[in-house]
Amino acid sequence: MVFNTGAALLDAIVLAVVSQDAVGTYGYKITQDVRLVLDISESTLYPVLRRLQKDECLEVYDMEYAGRNRRYYKVTEKGMAQLQLYKAEWKLYSSKINRLFEGGK
């Protein structure tokens, strides 16, 4: 993608991906799901996950999988509220950009 993605957009995308699973999901799967829409490396994703956890938008828990602990991320109530705000902002922002691209103002 030729457009830069800022922290807010990354946060919104990650919250949207994690919110799709009520019990939470793990880092590698989050990376794969985000990569469906955005080229992102794990080294970029994990700081986003930590920031969202620090901001209390995600909660983290470990669960055993194939004899190893796997870290899971789940959206909190605060995270869901933030995601709704991001969705509203994105709708407004993208409609303005689309209008401009299509020759309107």
N, C-alpha and C. Protein backbone atom coordinates (compact mmCIF):
# COMPACT_ATOMS: atom_id res chain seq x y z
N MET A 1 0.85 -1.18 0.00
CA MET A 1 0.00 0.00 0.00
C MET A 1 0.89 1.24 0.00
N VAL A 2 0.52 2.22 -0.78
CA VAL A 2 1.33 3.42 -0.89
C VAL A 2 1.00 4.46 0.19
N PHE A 3 -0.09 4.28 0.90
CA PHE A 3 -0.49 5.24 1.93
C PHE A 3 0.08 4.84 3.28
N ASN A 4 0.54 5.82 4.02
CA ASN A 4 1.01 5.57 5.39
C ASN A 4 -0.17 5.22 6.29
N THR A 5 0.07 4.33 7.22
CA THR A 5 -0.97 4.01 8.20
C THR A 5 -0.49 4.49 9.56
N GLY A 6 -1.25 5.38 10.15
CA GLY A 6 -0.90 5.92 11.44
C GLY A 6 -1.32 4.99 12.56
N ALA A 7 -0.94 5.37 13.76
CA ALA A 7 -1.22 4.55 14.94
C ALA A 7 -2.73 4.35 15.13
N ALA A 8 -3.52 5.38 14.91
CA ALA A 8 -4.96 5.25 15.13
C ALA A 8 -5.58 4.24 14.17
N LEU A 9 -5.14 4.25 12.92
CA LEU A 9 -5.68 3.30 11.95
C LEU A 9 -5.25 1.87 12.30
N LEU A 10 -4.00 1.70 12.70
CA LEU A 10 -3.55 0.37 13.13
C LEU A 10 -4.34 -0.11 14.34
N ASP A 11 -4.54 0.78 15.31
CA ASP A 11 -5.34 0.42 16.48
C ASP A 11 -6.74 -0.02 16.07
N ALA A 12 -7.35 0.74 15.18
CA ALA A 12 -8.72 0.43 14.74
C ALA A 12 -8.77 -0.92 14.05
N ILE A 13 -7.82 -1.19 13.17
CA ILE A 13 -7.80 -2.46 12.44
C ILE A 13 -7.60 -3.63 13.40
N VAL A 14 -6.67 -3.49 14.32
CA VAL A 14 -6.41 -4.57 15.28
C VAL A 14 -7.63 -4.80 16.17
N LEU A 15 -8.24 -3.74 16.67
CA LEU A 15 -9.44 -3.90 17.49
C LEU A 15 -10.55 -4.59 16.69
N ALA A 16 -10.71 -4.22 15.43
CA ALA A 16 -11.74 -4.85 14.59
C ALA A 16 -11.46 -6.33 14.43
N VAL A 17 -10.22 -6.70 14.18
CA VAL A 17 -9.86 -8.11 14.01
C VAL A 17 -10.08 -8.88 15.30
N VAL A 18 -9.60 -8.37 16.41
CA VAL A 18 -9.71 -9.08 17.68
C VAL A 18 -11.17 -9.18 18.12
N SER A 19 -11.97 -8.17 17.83
CA SER A 19 -13.37 -8.17 18.26
C SER A 19 -14.21 -9.22 17.54
N GLN A 20 -13.71 -9.77 16.45
CA GLN A 20 -14.47 -10.77 15.70
C GLN A 20 -14.59 -12.10 16.44
N ASP A 21 -13.78 -12.32 17.45
CA ASP A 21 -13.83 -13.57 18.20
C ASP A 21 -14.10 -13.25 19.67
N ALA A 22 -15.26 -13.63 20.17
CA ALA A 22 -15.69 -13.27 21.52
C ALA A 22 -14.76 -13.80 22.62
N VAL A 23 -14.10 -14.93 22.37
CA VAL A 23 -13.22 -15.50 23.39
C VAL A 23 -11.78 -15.00 23.24
N GLY A 24 -11.51 -14.24 22.21
CA GLY A 24 -10.17 -13.72 21.98
C GLY A 24 -9.43 -14.52 20.92
N THR A 25 -8.29 -14.01 20.54
CA THR A 25 -7.48 -14.66 19.51
C THR A 25 -6.01 -14.39 19.80
N TYR A 26 -5.15 -15.11 19.14
CA TYR A 26 -3.72 -15.03 19.45
C TYR A 26 -2.96 -14.23 18.38
N GLY A 27 -1.75 -13.82 18.74
CA GLY A 27 -0.97 -12.89 17.94
C GLY A 27 -0.75 -13.29 16.50
N TYR A 28 -0.35 -14.53 16.25
CA TYR A 28 -0.08 -14.95 14.88
C TYR A 28 -1.33 -14.85 14.02
N LYS A 29 -2.47 -15.26 14.56
CA LYS A 29 -3.73 -15.19 13.80
C LYS A 29 -4.11 -13.73 13.55
N ILE A 30 -3.88 -12.89 14.55
CA ILE A 30 -4.17 -11.46 14.37
C ILE A 30 -3.33 -10.92 13.21
N THR A 31 -2.04 -11.27 13.21
CA THR A 31 -1.15 -10.83 12.13
C THR A 31 -1.66 -11.28 10.77
N GLN A 32 -2.05 -12.54 10.67
CA GLN A 32 -2.55 -13.07 9.39
C GLN A 32 -3.83 -12.37 8.95
N ASP A 33 -4.73 -12.11 9.89
CA ASP A 33 -5.99 -11.44 9.55
C ASP A 33 -5.76 -9.99 9.14
N VAL A 34 -4.86 -9.30 9.84
CA VAL A 34 -4.56 -7.91 9.49
C VAL A 34 -3.91 -7.86 8.11
N ARG A 35 -3.06 -8.83 7.82
CA ARG A 35 -2.37 -8.87 6.51
C ARG A 35 -3.33 -9.04 5.34
N LEU A 36 -4.56 -9.43 5.59
CA LEU A 36 -5.55 -9.52 4.51
C LEU A 36 -5.87 -8.13 3.95
N VAL A 37 -5.67 -7.09 4.77
CA VAL A 37 -6.00 -5.74 4.33
C VAL A 37 -4.81 -4.78 4.35
N LEU A 38 -3.72 -5.19 5.01
CA LEU A 38 -2.60 -4.28 5.22
C LEU A 38 -1.32 -5.08 5.35
N ASP A 39 -0.29 -4.67 4.67
CA ASP A 39 1.00 -5.34 4.78
C ASP A 39 1.66 -4.91 6.09
N ILE A 40 1.75 -5.82 7.04
CA ILE A 40 2.27 -5.49 8.36
C ILE A 40 3.15 -6.64 8.85
N SER A 41 4.20 -6.28 9.56
CA SER A 41 5.08 -7.31 10.11
C SER A 41 4.71 -7.54 11.58
N GLU A 42 5.13 -8.69 12.08
CA GLU A 42 4.88 -8.97 13.49
C GLU A 42 5.58 -7.95 14.37
N SER A 43 6.74 -7.47 13.96
CA SER A 43 7.48 -6.48 14.76
C SER A 43 6.73 -5.15 14.84
N THR A 44 5.83 -4.90 13.91
CA THR A 44 4.97 -3.72 13.96
C THR A 44 3.72 -4.00 14.78
N LEU A 45 3.20 -5.21 14.66
CA LEU A 45 1.94 -5.55 15.31
C LEU A 45 2.05 -5.64 16.83
N TYR A 46 3.09 -6.27 17.34
CA TYR A 46 3.15 -6.51 18.78
C TYR A 46 3.22 -5.22 19.61
N PRO A 47 3.92 -4.17 19.17
CA PRO A 47 3.81 -2.91 19.91
C PRO A 47 2.39 -2.34 19.93
N VAL A 48 1.64 -2.55 18.84
CA VAL A 48 0.25 -2.11 18.79
C VAL A 48 -0.56 -2.87 19.84
N LEU A 49 -0.37 -4.19 19.90
CA LEU A 49 -1.08 -5.00 20.90
C LEU A 49 -0.72 -4.55 22.32
N ARG A 50 0.56 -4.28 22.57
CA ARG A 50 0.96 -3.82 23.91
C ARG A 50 0.35 -2.47 24.25
N ARG A 51 0.32 -1.56 23.25
CA ARG A 51 -0.26 -0.24 23.49
C ARG A 51 -1.75 -0.36 23.81
N LEU A 52 -2.46 -1.18 23.05
CA LEU A 52 -3.89 -1.37 23.30
C LEU A 52 -4.13 -2.03 24.65
N GLN A 53 -3.25 -2.91 25.05
CA GLN A 53 -3.36 -3.52 26.38
C GLN A 53 -3.12 -2.47 27.47
N LYS A 54 -2.08 -1.65 27.29
CA LYS A 54 -1.77 -0.59 28.26
C LYS A 54 -2.92 0.41 28.38
N ASP A 55 -3.59 0.68 27.25
CA ASP A 55 -4.72 1.61 27.23
C ASP A 55 -6.02 0.95 27.68
N GLU A 56 -5.94 -0.31 28.13
CA GLU A 56 -7.08 -1.08 28.64
C GLU A 56 -8.15 -1.35 27.58
N CYS A 57 -7.72 -1.40 26.32
CA CYS A 57 -8.63 -1.76 25.23
C CYS A 57 -8.60 -3.25 24.96
N LEU A 58 -7.51 -3.90 25.37
CA LEU A 58 -7.37 -5.34 25.23
C LEU A 58 -6.99 -5.94 26.58
N GLU A 59 -7.50 -7.15 26.84
CA GLU A 59 -7.02 -7.91 27.97
C GLU A 59 -6.29 -9.12 27.42
N VAL A 60 -5.35 -9.63 28.19
CA VAL A 60 -4.48 -10.70 27.73
C VAL A 60 -4.58 -11.86 28.69
N TYR A 61 -4.59 -13.07 28.13
CA TYR A 61 -4.52 -14.27 28.96
C TYR A 61 -3.77 -15.34 28.19
N ASP A 62 -3.20 -16.28 28.92
CA ASP A 62 -2.46 -17.38 28.31
C ASP A 62 -3.27 -18.65 28.43
N MET A 63 -3.17 -19.49 27.39
CA MET A 63 -3.85 -20.78 27.39
C MET A 63 -2.92 -21.78 26.70
N GLU A 64 -2.92 -22.99 27.21
CA GLU A 64 -2.06 -24.02 26.63
C GLU A 64 -2.60 -24.46 25.28
N TYR A 65 -1.66 -24.62 24.35
CA TYR A 65 -1.99 -25.12 23.03
C TYR A 65 -0.81 -25.96 22.55
N ALA A 66 -1.06 -27.22 22.26
CA ALA A 66 -0.03 -28.16 21.77
C ALA A 66 1.18 -28.18 22.71
N GLY A 67 0.93 -28.19 24.01
CA GLY A 67 2.01 -28.30 24.99
C GLY A 67 2.74 -27.00 25.28
N ARG A 68 2.29 -25.90 24.70
CA ARG A 68 2.93 -24.60 24.94
C ARG A 68 1.88 -23.58 25.32
N ASN A 69 2.30 -22.54 26.00
CA ASN A 69 1.39 -21.45 26.31
C ASN A 69 1.25 -20.55 25.09
N ARG A 70 0.03 -20.18 24.82
CA ARG A 70 -0.25 -19.25 23.73
C ARG A 70 -0.94 -18.04 24.34
N ARG A 71 -0.49 -16.85 23.98
CA ARG A 71 -1.06 -15.61 24.51
C ARG A 71 -2.25 -15.18 23.66
N TYR A 72 -3.37 -14.97 24.33
CA TYR A 72 -4.60 -14.56 23.66
C TYR A 72 -4.94 -13.12 24.03
N TYR A 73 -5.56 -12.45 23.09
CA TYR A 73 -5.99 -11.06 23.27
C TYR A 73 -7.50 -10.99 23.07
N LYS A 74 -8.13 -10.24 23.95
CA LYS A 74 -9.59 -10.09 23.90
C LYS A 74 -9.94 -8.62 24.10
N VAL A 75 -10.91 -8.14 23.33
CA VAL A 75 -11.31 -6.73 23.43
C VAL A 75 -12.11 -6.52 24.71
N THR A 76 -11.78 -5.46 25.42
CA THR A 76 -12.50 -5.08 26.65
C THR A 76 -13.69 -4.20 26.28
N GLU A 77 -14.48 -3.88 27.28
CA GLU A 77 -15.60 -2.96 27.07
C GLU A 77 -15.10 -1.61 26.57
N LYS A 78 -14.01 -1.14 27.18
CA LYS A 78 -13.40 0.12 26.75
C LYS A 78 -12.91 0.02 25.30
N GLY A 79 -12.36 -1.14 24.94
CA GLY A 79 -11.90 -1.36 23.58
C GLY A 79 -13.04 -1.35 22.58
N MET A 80 -14.17 -1.93 22.96
CA MET A 80 -15.35 -1.92 22.07
C MET A 80 -15.86 -0.49 21.87
N ALA A 81 -15.85 0.31 22.93
CA ALA A 81 -16.27 1.71 22.80
C ALA A 81 -15.31 2.46 21.88
N GLN A 82 -14.02 2.20 22.03
CA GLN A 82 -13.02 2.85 21.17
C GLN A 82 -13.20 2.42 19.71
N LEU A 83 -13.48 1.14 19.51
CA LEU A 83 -13.70 0.63 18.16
C LEU A 83 -14.92 1.30 17.52
N GLN A 84 -15.98 1.50 18.27
CA GLN A 84 -17.17 2.18 17.73
C GLN A 84 -16.83 3.62 17.33
N LEU A 85 -16.00 4.28 18.14
CA LEU A 85 -15.56 5.64 17.80
C LEU A 85 -14.73 5.62 16.51
N TYR A 86 -13.80 4.67 16.41
CA TYR A 86 -13.00 4.56 15.19
C TYR A 86 -13.88 4.31 13.97
N LYS A 87 -14.87 3.45 14.10
CA LYS A 87 -15.76 3.15 12.98
C LYS A 87 -16.51 4.40 12.51
N ALA A 88 -17.02 5.17 13.45
CA ALA A 88 -17.74 6.40 13.10
C ALA A 88 -16.81 7.40 12.42
N GLU A 89 -15.61 7.56 12.97
CA GLU A 89 -14.64 8.48 12.39
C GLU A 89 -14.22 8.02 10.99
N TRP A 90 -14.01 6.71 10.83
CA TRP A 90 -13.61 6.18 9.53
C TRP A 90 -14.70 6.41 8.48
N LYS A 91 -15.94 6.20 8.86
CA LYS A 91 -17.05 6.38 7.93
C LYS A 91 -17.08 7.83 7.43
N LEU A 92 -16.94 8.76 8.33
CA LEU A 92 -16.94 10.18 7.97
C LEU A 92 -15.72 10.51 7.10
N TYR A 93 -14.54 10.08 7.53
CA TYR A 93 -13.30 10.36 6.83
C TYR A 93 -13.30 9.76 5.42
N SER A 94 -13.66 8.49 5.33
CA SER A 94 -13.61 7.82 4.02
C SER A 94 -14.66 8.40 3.06
N SER A 95 -15.81 8.81 3.58
CA SER A 95 -16.82 9.40 2.68
C SER A 95 -16.32 10.73 2.12
N LYS A 96 -15.60 11.51 2.91
CA LYS A 96 -15.04 12.78 2.42
C LYS A 96 -13.98 12.53 1.36
N ILE A 97 -13.11 11.56 1.60
CA ILE A 97 -12.05 11.24 0.63
C ILE A 97 -12.67 10.70 -0.66
N ASN A 98 -13.65 9.81 -0.54
CA ASN A 98 -14.32 9.26 -1.73
C ASN A 98 -14.98 10.37 -2.55
N ARG A 99 -15.63 11.28 -1.85
CA ARG A 99 -16.29 12.40 -2.54
C ARG A 99 -15.25 13.23 -3.30
N LEU A 100 -14.13 13.48 -2.68
CA LEU A 100 -13.07 14.26 -3.31
C LEU A 100 -12.51 13.54 -4.52
N PHE A 101 -12.25 12.24 -4.39
CA PHE A 101 -11.72 11.44 -5.50
C PHE A 101 -12.70 11.38 -6.66
N GLU A 102 -13.97 11.45 -6.36
CA GLU A 102 -15.00 11.34 -7.40
C GLU A 102 -15.36 12.70 -7.99
N GLY A 103 -14.62 13.74 -7.62
CA GLY A 103 -14.81 15.06 -8.20
C GLY A 103 -15.71 15.98 -7.43
N GLY A 104 -16.23 15.53 -6.31
CA GLY A 104 -17.09 16.40 -5.49
C GLY A 104 -16.28 17.11 -4.42
N LYS A 105 -16.95 17.93 -3.67
CA LYS A 105 -16.27 18.64 -2.56
C LYS A 105 -16.99 18.45 -1.27
